[in-house]
PDB file of N, CA and C in Angstrom:
ATOM      1  N   MET A   1       0.535  -1.075  -0.116  1.00  0.00           N
ATOM      2  CA  MET A   1      -0.019  -0.158  -0.008  1.00  0.00           C
ATOM      3  C   MET A   1       0.752   1.276   0.254  1.00  0.00           C
ATOM      4  N   LYS A   2       2.011   1.099   0.447  1.00  0.00           N
ATOM      5  CA  LYS A   2       2.920   2.628   0.594  1.00  0.00           C
ATOM      6  C   LYS A   2       3.318   2.628  -1.065  1.00  0.00           C
ATOM      7  N   HIS A   3       3.497   2.337  -1.739  1.00  0.00           N
ATOM      8  CA  HIS A   3       3.290   2.413  -3.234  1.00  0.00           C
ATOM      9  C   HIS A   3       2.080   3.641  -3.817  1.00  0.00           C
ATOM     10  N   ALA A   4       0.761   2.871  -3.451  1.00  0.00           N
ATOM     11  CA  ALA A   4      -0.253   3.454  -3.854  1.00  0.00           C
ATOM     12  C   ALA A   4      -0.652   5.017  -3.529  1.00  0.00           C
ATOM     13  N   LYS A   5      -0.051   5.279  -1.853  1.00  0.00           N
ATOM     14  CA  LYS A   5       0.078   6.710  -1.101  1.00  0.00           C
ATOM     15  C   LYS A   5       0.967   7.268  -1.657  1.00  0.00           C
ATOM     16  N   GLU A   6       2.477   6.798  -2.670  1.00  0.00           N
ATOM     17  CA  GLU A   6       3.359   7.379  -2.784  1.00  0.00           C
ATOM     18  C   GLU A   6       2.794   8.139  -4.093  1.00  0.00           C
ATOM     19  N   ILE A   7       1.733   7.650  -5.003  1.00  0.00           N
ATOM     20  CA  ILE A   7       1.563   7.617  -6.267  1.00  0.00           C
ATOM     21  C   ILE A   7       0.227   8.600  -6.171  1.00  0.00           C
ATOM     22  N   THR A   8      -1.033   8.967  -5.418  1.00  0.00           N
ATOM     23  CA  THR A   8      -1.722   9.237  -4.480  1.00  0.00           C
ATOM     24  C   THR A   8      -1.271  11.204  -4.420  1.00  0.00           C
ATOM     25  N   ASP A   9      -0.347  10.988  -3.511  1.00  0.00           N
ATOM     26  CA  ASP A   9       0.743  12.120  -3.239  1.00  0.00           C
ATOM     27  C   ASP A   9       1.271  12.632  -3.802  1.00  0.00           C
ATOM     28  N   ALA A  10       1.863  12.445  -4.987  1.00  0.00           N
ATOM     29  CA  ALA A  10       2.842  12.944  -6.126  1.00  0.00           C
ATOM     30  C   ALA A  10       1.105  13.568  -6.879  1.00  0.00           C
ATOM     31  N   ILE A  11       0.025  13.135  -7.401  1.00  0.00           N
ATOM     32  CA  ILE A  11      -0.716  13.947  -7.969  1.00  0.00           C
ATOM     33  C   ILE A  11      -1.419  14.849  -7.789  1.00  0.00           C
ATOM     34  N   PHE A  12      -1.838  14.554  -6.232  1.00  0.00           N
ATOM     35  CA  PHE A  12      -2.714  15.918  -5.613  1.00  0.00           C
ATOM     36  C   PHE A  12      -1.754  17.011  -4.992  1.00  0.00           C
ATOM     37  N   LYS A  13      -0.729  17.344  -5.116  1.00  0.00           N
ATOM     38  CA  LYS A  13       0.276  18.057  -4.475  1.00  0.00           C
ATOM     39  C   LYS A  13       0.557  18.772  -5.495  1.00  0.00           C
ATOM     40  N   ASP A  14       0.155  20.580  -5.175  1.00  0.00           N
ATOM     41  CA  ASP A  14       1.242  21.360  -5.753  1.00  0.00           C
ATOM     42  C   ASP A  14       2.942  21.280  -6.673  1.00  0.00           C
ATOM     43  N   PRO A  15       3.684  21.501  -7.151  1.00  0.00           N
ATOM     44  CA  PRO A  15       5.141  21.752  -7.047  1.00  0.00           C
ATOM     45  C   PRO A  15       5.584  22.021  -5.983  1.00  0.00           C
ATOM     46  N   ASP A  16       4.877  23.061  -4.864  1.00  0.00           N
ATOM     47  CA  ASP A  16       5.446  23.156  -3.668  1.00  0.00           C
ATOM     48  C   ASP A  16       5.636  22.485  -2.673  1.00  0.00           C
ATOM     49  N   GLY A  17       4.211  20.974  -2.919  1.00  0.00           N
ATOM     50  CA  GLY A  17       3.766  20.146  -1.571  1.00  0.00           C
ATOM     51  C   GLY A  17       2.930  20.451  -1.090  1.00  0.00           C
ATOM     52  N   VAL A  18       2.015  21.446  -1.570  1.00  0.00           N
ATOM     53  CA  VAL A  18       0.995  22.034  -0.826  1.00  0.00           C
ATOM     54  C   VAL A  18      -0.601  20.409  -1.488  1.00  0.00           C
ATOM     55  N   VAL A  19      -0.943  20.446  -0.777  1.00  0.00           N
ATOM     56  CA  VAL A  19      -1.824  19.010  -0.884  1.00  0.00           C
ATOM     57  C   VAL A  19      -2.896  20.100  -1.740  1.00  0.00           C
ATOM     58  N   TYR A  20      -3.631  19.390  -2.874  1.00  0.00           N
ATOM     59  CA  TYR A  20      -4.724  19.829  -3.198  1.00  0.00           C
ATOM     60  C   TYR A  20      -5.972  19.335  -2.256  1.00  0.00           C
ATOM     61  N   LYS A  21      -6.735  19.969  -1.793  1.00  0.00           N
ATOM     62  CA  LYS A  21      -8.082  19.607  -1.177  1.00  0.00           C
ATOM     63  C   LYS A  21      -9.187  18.923  -2.095  1.00  0.00           C
ATOM     64  N   TYR A  22      -9.189  19.617  -2.854  1.00  0.00           N
ATOM     65  CA  TYR A  22     -10.606  18.731  -4.273  1.00  0.00           C
ATOM     66  C   TYR A  22      -9.299  19.473  -5.514  1.00  0.00           C
ATOM     67  N   PRO A  23      -8.931  18.338  -5.901  1.00  0.00           N
ATOM     68  CA  PRO A  23      -7.945  18.262  -7.560  1.00  0.00           C
ATOM     69  C   PRO A  23      -8.528  18.574  -8.540  1.00  0.00           C
ATOM     70  N   ASN A  24      -9.851  18.011  -8.111  1.00  0.00           N
ATOM     71  CA  ASN A  24     -10.924  18.016  -9.184  1.00  0.00           C
ATOM     72  C   ASN A  24     -11.249  19.516 -10.362  1.00  0.00           C
ATOM     73  N   ARG A  25     -11.459  20.604  -9.051  1.00  0.00           N
ATOM     74  CA  ARG A  25     -12.176  21.411  -9.352  1.00  0.00           C
ATOM     75  C   ARG A  25     -11.086  22.495 -10.111  1.00  0.00           C
ATOM     76  N   THR A  26     -11.500  23.465 -10.698  1.00  0.00           N
ATOM     77  CA  THR A  26     -10.599  24.288 -11.511  1.00  0.00           C
ATOM     78  C   THR A  26     -11.842  25.955 -11.322  1.00  0.00           C
ATOM     79  N   CYS A  27     -10.950  26.836 -11.239  1.00  0.00           N
ATOM     80  CA  CYS A  27     -11.584  28.240 -11.091  1.00  0.00           C
ATOM     81  C   CYS A  27     -12.513  28.513 -12.418  1.00  0.00           C
ATOM     82  N   LYS A  28     -12.347  27.987 -13.598  1.00  0.00           N
ATOM     83  CA  LYS A  28     -12.846  28.459 -14.411  1.00  0.00           C
ATOM     84  C   LYS A  28     -13.975  27.394 -14.886  1.00  0.00           C
ATOM     85  N   ASP A  29     -14.304  26.466 -14.018  1.00  0.00           N
ATOM     86  CA  ASP A  29     -16.106  26.134 -13.651  1.00  0.00           C
ATOM     87  C   ASP A  29     -16.829  26.324 -12.823  1.00  0.00           C
ATOM     88  N   CYS A  30     -16.454  27.159 -11.918  1.00  0.00           N
ATOM     89  CA  CYS A  30     -16.919  28.215 -11.127  1.00  0.00           C
ATOM     90  C   CYS A  30     -17.817  29.044 -11.336  1.00  0.00           C
ATOM     91  N   SER A  31     -19.086  29.234 -10.983  1.00  0.00           N
ATOM     92  CA  SER A  31     -20.285  30.245 -11.440  1.00  0.00           C
ATOM     93  C   SER A  31     -19.720  31.619 -10.924  1.00  0.00           C
ATOM     94  N   ASN A  32     -18.424  31.587  -9.930  1.00  0.00           N
ATOM     95  CA  ASN A  32     -18.660  33.348  -9.424  1.00  0.00           C
ATOM     96  C   ASN A  32     -17.338  33.658 -10.763  1.00  0.00           C
ATOM     97  N   TYR A  33     -16.602  32.783 -11.472  1.00  0.00           N
ATOM     98  CA  TYR A  33     -15.210  33.037 -11.767  1.00  0.00           C
ATOM     99  C   TYR A  33     -15.771  34.165 -13.486  1.00  0.00           C
ATOM    100  N   PRO A  34     -14.913  35.358 -13.252  1.00  0.00           N
ATOM    101  CA  PRO A  34     -13.631  35.449 -12.132  1.00  0.00           C
ATOM    102  C   PRO A  34     -14.262  36.382 -10.756  1.00  0.00           C
ATOM    103  N   CYS A  35     -13.892  35.862 -10.308  1.00  0.00           N
ATOM    104  CA  CYS A  35     -14.578  36.490  -7.919  1.00  0.00           C
ATOM    105  C   CYS A  35     -13.313  37.407  -7.969  1.00  0.00           C
ATOM    106  N   MET A  36     -11.953  37.570  -8.961  1.00  0.00           N
ATOM    107  CA  MET A  36     -11.401  38.777  -8.257  1.00  0.00           C
ATOM    108  C   MET A  36     -11.165  39.216  -9.837  1.00  0.00           C
ATOM    109  N   LYS A  37     -10.803  40.726  -9.792  1.00  0.00           N
ATOM    110  CA  LYS A  37     -10.258  41.745 -10.561  1.00  0.00           C
ATOM    111  C   LYS A  37      -9.019  41.304 -11.782  1.00  0.00           C
ATOM    112  N   ASP A  38      -8.638  40.650 -12.692  1.00  0.00           N
ATOM    113  CA  ASP A  38      -7.216  40.564 -13.168  1.00  0.00           C
ATOM    114  C   ASP A  38      -6.522  39.190 -12.725  1.00  0.00           C
ATOM    115  N   MET A  39      -7.950  38.023 -12.451  1.00  0.00           N
ATOM    116  CA  MET A  39      -6.968  37.002 -12.174  1.00  0.00           C
ATOM    117  C   MET A  39      -6.948  36.039 -12.371  1.00  0.00           C
ATOM    118  N   ASP A  40      -6.744  36.602 -14.599  1.00  0.00           N
ATOM    119  CA  ASP A  40      -6.053  35.402 -14.781  1.00  0.00           C
ATOM    120  C   ASP A  40      -4.539  36.204 -14.731  1.00  0.00           C
ATOM    121  N   SER A  41      -4.450  37.308 -15.149  1.00  0.00           N
ATOM    122  CA  SER A  41      -3.215  37.871 -15.118  1.00  0.00           C
ATOM    123  C   SER A  41      -2.662  38.014 -13.564  1.00  0.00           C
ATOM    124  N   VAL A  42      -3.059  38.147 -12.697  1.00  0.00           N
ATOM    125  CA  VAL A  42      -2.165  38.398 -11.422  1.00  0.00           C
ATOM    126  C   VAL A  42      -1.665  37.252 -10.828  1.00  0.00           C
ATOM    127  N   PHE A  43      -2.566  36.571 -10.785  1.00  0.00           N
ATOM    128  CA  PHE A  43      -2.640  34.780 -10.181  1.00  0.00           C
ATOM    129  C   PHE A  43      -2.537  33.959 -10.785  1.00  0.00           C
ATOM    130  N   SER A  44      -1.348  32.966 -10.782  1.00  0.00           N
ATOM    131  CA  SER A  44      -0.946  31.781 -11.134  1.00  0.00           C
ATOM    132  C   SER A  44      -1.921  30.616 -10.857  1.00  0.00           C
ATOM    133  N   SER A  45      -2.350  30.968  -9.492  1.00  0.00           N
ATOM    134  CA  SER A  45      -2.667  29.328  -8.561  1.00  0.00           C
ATOM    135  C   SER A  45      -4.246  29.451  -9.041  1.00  0.00           C
ATOM    136  N   ASP A  46      -4.581  28.034  -9.196  1.00  0.00           N
ATOM    137  CA  ASP A  46      -5.950  27.774  -9.092  1.00  0.00           C
ATOM    138  C   ASP A  46      -6.541  27.732  -7.990  1.00  0.00           C
ATOM    139  N   PHE A  47      -7.837  28.639  -6.928  1.00  0.00           N
ATOM    140  CA  PHE A  47      -7.611  28.353  -5.611  1.00  0.00           C
ATOM    141  C   PHE A  47      -8.872  27.613  -5.562  1.00  0.00           C
ATOM    142  N   ALA A  48      -9.849  26.953  -6.401  1.00  0.00           N
ATOM    143  CA  ALA A  48     -10.758  26.336  -6.394  1.00  0.00           C
ATOM    144  C   ALA A  48      -9.822  25.185  -6.203  1.00  0.00           C
ATOM    145  N   LYS A  49      -8.635  24.012  -6.613  1.00  0.00           N
ATOM    146  CA  LYS A  49      -8.068  23.276  -5.882  1.00  0.00           C
ATOM    147  C   LYS A  49      -7.557  23.331  -4.527  1.00  0.00           C
ATOM    148  N   TYR A  50      -7.484  24.540  -3.924  1.00  0.00           N
ATOM    149  CA  TYR A  50      -7.042  24.493  -2.776  1.00  0.00           C
ATOM    150  C   TYR A  50      -8.466  24.446  -1.795  1.00  0.00           C
ATOM    151  N   GLY A  51      -9.516  24.803  -2.083  1.00  0.00           N
ATOM    152  CA  GLY A  51     -10.991  24.645  -1.286  1.00  0.00           C
ATOM    153  C   GLY A  51     -11.494  25.757  -1.072  1.00  0.00           C
ATOM    154  N   CYS A  52     -11.054  26.644  -2.386  1.00  0.00           N
ATOM    155  CA  CYS A  52     -11.932  28.350  -2.445  1.00  0.00           C
ATOM    156  C   CYS A  52     -13.125  27.711  -1.990  1.00  0.00           C
ATOM    157  N   THR A  53     -13.511  29.051  -0.358  1.00  0.00           N
ATOM    158  CA  THR A  53     -15.006  29.193  -0.437  1.00  0.00           C
ATOM    159  C   THR A  53     -15.965  29.742  -0.817  1.00  0.00           C
ATOM    160  N   LYS A  54     -15.463  30.411  -2.040  1.00  0.00           N
ATOM    161  CA  LYS A  54     -16.432  30.809  -2.751  1.00  0.00           C
ATOM    162  C   LYS A  54     -16.933  29.999  -4.084  1.00  0.00           C
ATOM    163  N   TYR A  55     -16.291  29.190  -4.171  1.00  0.00           N
ATOM    164  CA  TYR A  55     -16.041  27.714  -5.819  1.00  0.00           C
ATOM    165  C   TYR A  55     -17.997  27.403  -5.371  1.00  0.00           C
ATOM    166  N   LYS A  56     -18.491  27.788  -6.372  1.00  0.00           N
ATOM    167  CA  LYS A  56     -19.795  26.615  -6.953  1.00  0.00           C
ATOM    168  C   LYS A  56     -19.587  26.438  -8.214  1.00  0.00           C
ATOM    169  N   ASP A  57     -20.374  25.274  -7.934  1.00  0.00           N
ATOM    170  CA  ASP A  57     -20.082  24.291  -9.684  1.00  0.00           C
ATOM    171  C   ASP A  57     -21.177  24.788 -10.483  1.00  0.00           C
ATOM    172  N   TYR A  58     -20.044  25.394 -11.525  1.00  0.00           N
ATOM    173  CA  TYR A  58     -20.604  25.457 -12.834  1.00  0.00           C
ATOM    174  C   TYR A  58     -21.350  24.855 -13.435  1.00  0.00           C
ATOM    175  N   THR A  59     -20.907  23.740 -13.350  1.00  0.00           N
ATOM    176  CA  THR A  59     -22.054  22.253 -14.479  1.00  0.00           C
ATOM    177  C   THR A  59     -23.299  22.092 -13.453  1.00  0.00           C
ATOM    178  N   TRP A  60     -22.941  21.705 -12.245  1.00  0.00           N
ATOM    179  CA  TRP A  60     -23.953  21.217 -11.785  1.00  0.00           C
ATOM    180  C   TRP A  60     -25.319  22.677 -12.030  1.00  0.00           C
ATOM    181  N   LYS A  61     -24.905  23.964 -11.974  1.00  0.00           N
ATOM    182  CA  LYS A  61     -25.857  25.225 -12.143  1.00  0.00           C
ATOM    183  C   LYS A  61     -26.854  24.578 -13.343  1.00  0.00           C
ATOM    184  N   ILE A  62     -25.743  24.262 -14.780  1.00  0.00           N
ATOM    185  CA  ILE A  62     -26.458  24.178 -16.054  1.00  0.00           C
ATOM    186  C   ILE A  62     -27.509  23.011 -15.955  1.00  0.00           C
ATOM    187  N   ASN A  63     -26.647  21.655 -15.191  1.00  0.00           N
ATOM    188  CA  ASN A  63     -27.341  20.569 -15.106  1.00  0.00           C
ATOM    189  C   ASN A  63     -28.853  20.312 -14.086  1.00  0.00           C
ATOM    190  N   SER A  64     -29.120  21.227 -13.578  1.00  0.00           N
ATOM    191  CA  SER A  64     -30.058  21.255 -12.477  1.00  0.00           C
ATOM    192  C   SER A  64     -30.901  22.216 -13.603  1.00  0.00           C
ATOM    193  N   SER A  65     -30.701  23.346 -14.637  1.00  0.00           N
ATOM    194  CA  SER A  65     -31.609  24.043 -14.926  1.00  0.00           C
ATOM    195  C   SER A  65     -32.529  23.407 -15.904  1.00  0.00           C
ATOM    196  N   LYS A  66     -32.142  22.022 -16.692  1.00  0.00           N
ATOM    197  CA  LYS A  66     -32.554  21.639 -17.557  1.00  0.00           C
ATOM    198  C   LYS A  66     -33.583  20.425 -17.167  1.00  0.00           C
ATOM    199  N   ARG A  67     -33.805  20.654 -15.958  1.00  0.00           N
ATOM    200  CA  ARG A  67     -34.721  19.560 -15.553  1.00  0.00           C
ATOM    201  C   ARG A  67     -36.049  20.000 -15.376  1.00  0.00           C
TER     202      ARG A  67
END
């Protein structure tokens, strides 16, 4: 099992070694995107992966409106 843990740690960490809380999220899938002025040019980080508190899933919003 040690090898599986090493693989998941490598996949779900950023280059600085910080673990992503939600590795499948991206800011561009958030319904609040962009939530900060000049977000793409100023920040190189993807806050959604780290557990952004403003994150709302845009795809869920689209799918629920089709019902």
